[in-house]
Structures are given as C-alpha cells and as structure tokens.
Amino acid sequence: MPQLNPSPWFPIFILAWLTMIVMLTKTLKTKTITPPLQKTSTSSLNFWTWPWP
C-alpha cells in the first residue's frame, strides 16, 4: 500500500482545528458574555467578523 503524503492533508487538518477552536470560543462567548437579545441578532455577524490570526 502506497504511503499517504501528509502535505495535502496538513492545511485541511489545521483549518478544521482552527474552525473547531473558533466555534468553541464563539459558543462560550455568546453563552457567558453576550446577552440573549444580542446573541440572536449578532451571532452570525460575530462569526464573519472574527479576528483571524
């Protein structure tokens, strides 16, 4: 069986890991800090305006 080259899978793994971290942080932030009224209106806005590294 040929060995799988990890080059094409590395960015995918990093992207999935970053997305998981962002979603977890966003969920925690909206549940603890953001009020319920603000959460419904700015939940999608917070995701798209996330300060990416």
N, C-alpha and C. Protein backbone atom coordinates (compact mmCIF):
# COMPACT_ATOMS: atom_id res chain seq x y z
N MET A 1 0.85 -1.20 0.00
CA MET A 1 0.00 0.00 0.00
C MET A 1 0.89 1.26 0.00
N PRO A 2 0.64 2.18 -0.91
CA PRO A 2 1.48 3.38 -1.00
C PRO A 2 1.27 4.29 0.21
N GLN A 3 2.33 4.93 0.62
CA GLN A 3 2.25 5.82 1.77
C GLN A 3 1.53 7.12 1.39
N LEU A 4 0.65 7.58 2.29
CA LEU A 4 -0.11 8.80 2.01
C LEU A 4 0.75 10.02 2.30
N ASN A 5 0.82 10.91 1.34
CA ASN A 5 1.60 12.13 1.51
C ASN A 5 0.85 13.09 2.44
N PRO A 6 1.44 13.47 3.57
CA PRO A 6 0.73 14.33 4.53
C PRO A 6 0.65 15.79 4.09
N SER A 7 1.30 16.13 2.98
CA SER A 7 1.30 17.52 2.54
C SER A 7 -0.11 18.07 2.26
N PRO A 8 -0.93 17.40 1.43
CA PRO A 8 -2.25 17.95 1.14
C PRO A 8 -3.20 17.92 2.33
N TRP A 9 -2.94 17.03 3.28
CA TRP A 9 -3.87 16.91 4.42
C TRP A 9 -3.53 17.86 5.56
N PHE A 10 -2.31 18.39 5.56
CA PHE A 10 -1.90 19.25 6.67
C PHE A 10 -2.74 20.53 6.76
N PRO A 11 -2.92 21.29 5.66
CA PRO A 11 -3.77 22.50 5.73
C PRO A 11 -5.20 22.18 6.11
N ILE A 12 -5.71 21.03 5.66
CA ILE A 12 -7.08 20.65 5.99
C ILE A 12 -7.21 20.41 7.48
N PHE A 13 -6.21 19.75 8.06
CA PHE A 13 -6.24 19.48 9.50
C PHE A 13 -6.15 20.78 10.30
N ILE A 14 -5.28 21.68 9.86
CA ILE A 14 -5.14 22.96 10.56
C ILE A 14 -6.42 23.77 10.46
N LEU A 15 -7.03 23.76 9.26
CA LEU A 15 -8.27 24.52 9.06
C LEU A 15 -9.39 23.97 9.93
N ALA A 16 -9.50 22.63 9.99
CA ALA A 16 -10.53 22.02 10.82
C ALA A 16 -10.29 22.32 12.30
N TRP A 17 -9.02 22.29 12.71
CA TRP A 17 -8.68 22.55 14.10
C TRP A 17 -9.00 24.01 14.47
N LEU A 18 -8.64 24.93 13.59
CA LEU A 18 -8.92 26.34 13.84
C LEU A 18 -10.43 26.60 13.89
N THR A 19 -11.17 25.95 12.97
CA THR A 19 -12.62 26.13 12.96
C THR A 19 -13.24 25.61 14.25
N MET A 20 -12.75 24.47 14.74
CA MET A 20 -13.28 23.92 15.98
C MET A 20 -13.01 24.87 17.14
N ILE A 21 -11.80 25.40 17.21
CA ILE A 21 -11.45 26.32 18.29
C ILE A 21 -12.30 27.58 18.22
N VAL A 22 -12.48 28.11 17.01
CA VAL A 22 -13.26 29.34 16.84
C VAL A 22 -14.72 29.11 17.25
N MET A 23 -15.29 27.99 16.81
CA MET A 23 -16.68 27.71 17.13
C MET A 23 -16.86 27.49 18.63
N LEU A 24 -15.90 26.81 19.26
CA LEU A 24 -15.99 26.57 20.70
C LEU A 24 -15.90 27.89 21.45
N THR A 25 -14.96 28.75 21.04
CA THR A 25 -14.80 30.03 21.72
C THR A 25 -16.03 30.91 21.50
N LYS A 26 -16.57 30.87 20.27
CA LYS A 26 -17.75 31.68 19.97
C LYS A 26 -18.94 31.22 20.80
N THR A 27 -19.11 29.90 20.93
CA THR A 27 -20.22 29.38 21.71
C THR A 27 -20.07 29.76 23.17
N LEU A 28 -18.86 29.65 23.70
CA LEU A 28 -18.64 30.01 25.09
C LEU A 28 -18.86 31.50 25.30
N LYS A 29 -18.40 32.31 24.34
CA LYS A 29 -18.53 33.76 24.47
C LYS A 29 -19.99 34.18 24.42
N THR A 30 -20.75 33.61 23.50
CA THR A 30 -22.14 34.01 23.36
C THR A 30 -22.97 33.52 24.54
N LYS A 31 -22.55 32.41 25.15
CA LYS A 31 -23.32 31.87 26.27
C LYS A 31 -23.03 32.60 27.57
N THR A 32 -21.79 33.09 27.73
CA THR A 32 -21.41 33.68 29.01
C THR A 32 -21.48 35.20 29.01
N ILE A 33 -21.03 35.83 27.93
CA ILE A 33 -20.91 37.29 27.94
C ILE A 33 -22.08 37.97 27.22
N THR A 34 -22.36 37.50 26.00
CA THR A 34 -23.37 38.18 25.20
C THR A 34 -24.77 37.94 25.75
N PRO A 35 -25.57 39.01 25.91
CA PRO A 35 -26.95 38.86 26.36
C PRO A 35 -27.79 38.09 25.35
N PRO A 36 -28.89 37.47 25.79
CA PRO A 36 -29.74 36.67 24.88
C PRO A 36 -30.29 37.51 23.72
N LEU A 37 -30.65 38.76 24.00
CA LEU A 37 -31.21 39.60 22.94
C LEU A 37 -30.17 39.89 21.87
N GLN A 38 -28.95 40.16 22.31
CA GLN A 38 -27.88 40.48 21.35
C GLN A 38 -27.40 39.23 20.63
N LYS A 39 -27.52 38.07 21.29
CA LYS A 39 -26.99 36.84 20.70
C LYS A 39 -27.71 36.49 19.41
N THR A 40 -29.02 36.67 19.38
CA THR A 40 -29.79 36.26 18.21
C THR A 40 -29.49 37.15 17.01
N SER A 41 -29.19 38.42 17.26
CA SER A 41 -29.01 39.35 16.14
C SER A 41 -27.57 39.41 15.66
N THR A 42 -26.60 39.11 16.54
CA THR A 42 -25.21 39.27 16.15
C THR A 42 -24.43 37.97 16.16
N SER A 43 -25.14 36.83 16.22
CA SER A 43 -24.41 35.56 16.26
C SER A 43 -23.71 35.31 14.93
N SER A 44 -24.41 35.56 13.81
CA SER A 44 -23.79 35.35 12.50
C SER A 44 -22.78 36.46 12.22
N LEU A 45 -23.05 37.67 12.71
CA LEU A 45 -22.12 38.78 12.48
C LEU A 45 -20.80 38.53 13.20
N ASN A 46 -20.88 37.99 14.42
CA ASN A 46 -19.67 37.71 15.18
C ASN A 46 -18.80 36.67 14.48
N PHE A 47 -19.44 35.71 13.81
CA PHE A 47 -18.66 34.66 13.14
C PHE A 47 -17.91 35.23 11.95
N TRP A 48 -18.56 36.09 11.16
CA TRP A 48 -17.92 36.60 9.95
C TRP A 48 -16.93 37.71 10.25
N THR A 49 -17.06 38.38 11.40
CA THR A 49 -16.12 39.45 11.73
C THR A 49 -15.12 38.98 12.78
N TRP A 50 -14.87 37.65 12.81
CA TRP A 50 -13.94 37.11 13.79
C TRP A 50 -12.51 37.55 13.45
N PRO A 51 -11.75 38.04 14.46
CA PRO A 51 -10.35 38.44 14.19
C PRO A 51 -9.46 37.25 13.94
N TRP A 52 -9.31 36.87 12.67
CA TRP A 52 -8.49 35.72 12.33
C TRP A 52 -7.02 36.06 12.51
N PRO A 53 -6.22 35.09 13.00
CA PRO A 53 -4.78 35.34 13.24
C PRO A 53 -4.00 35.54 11.95
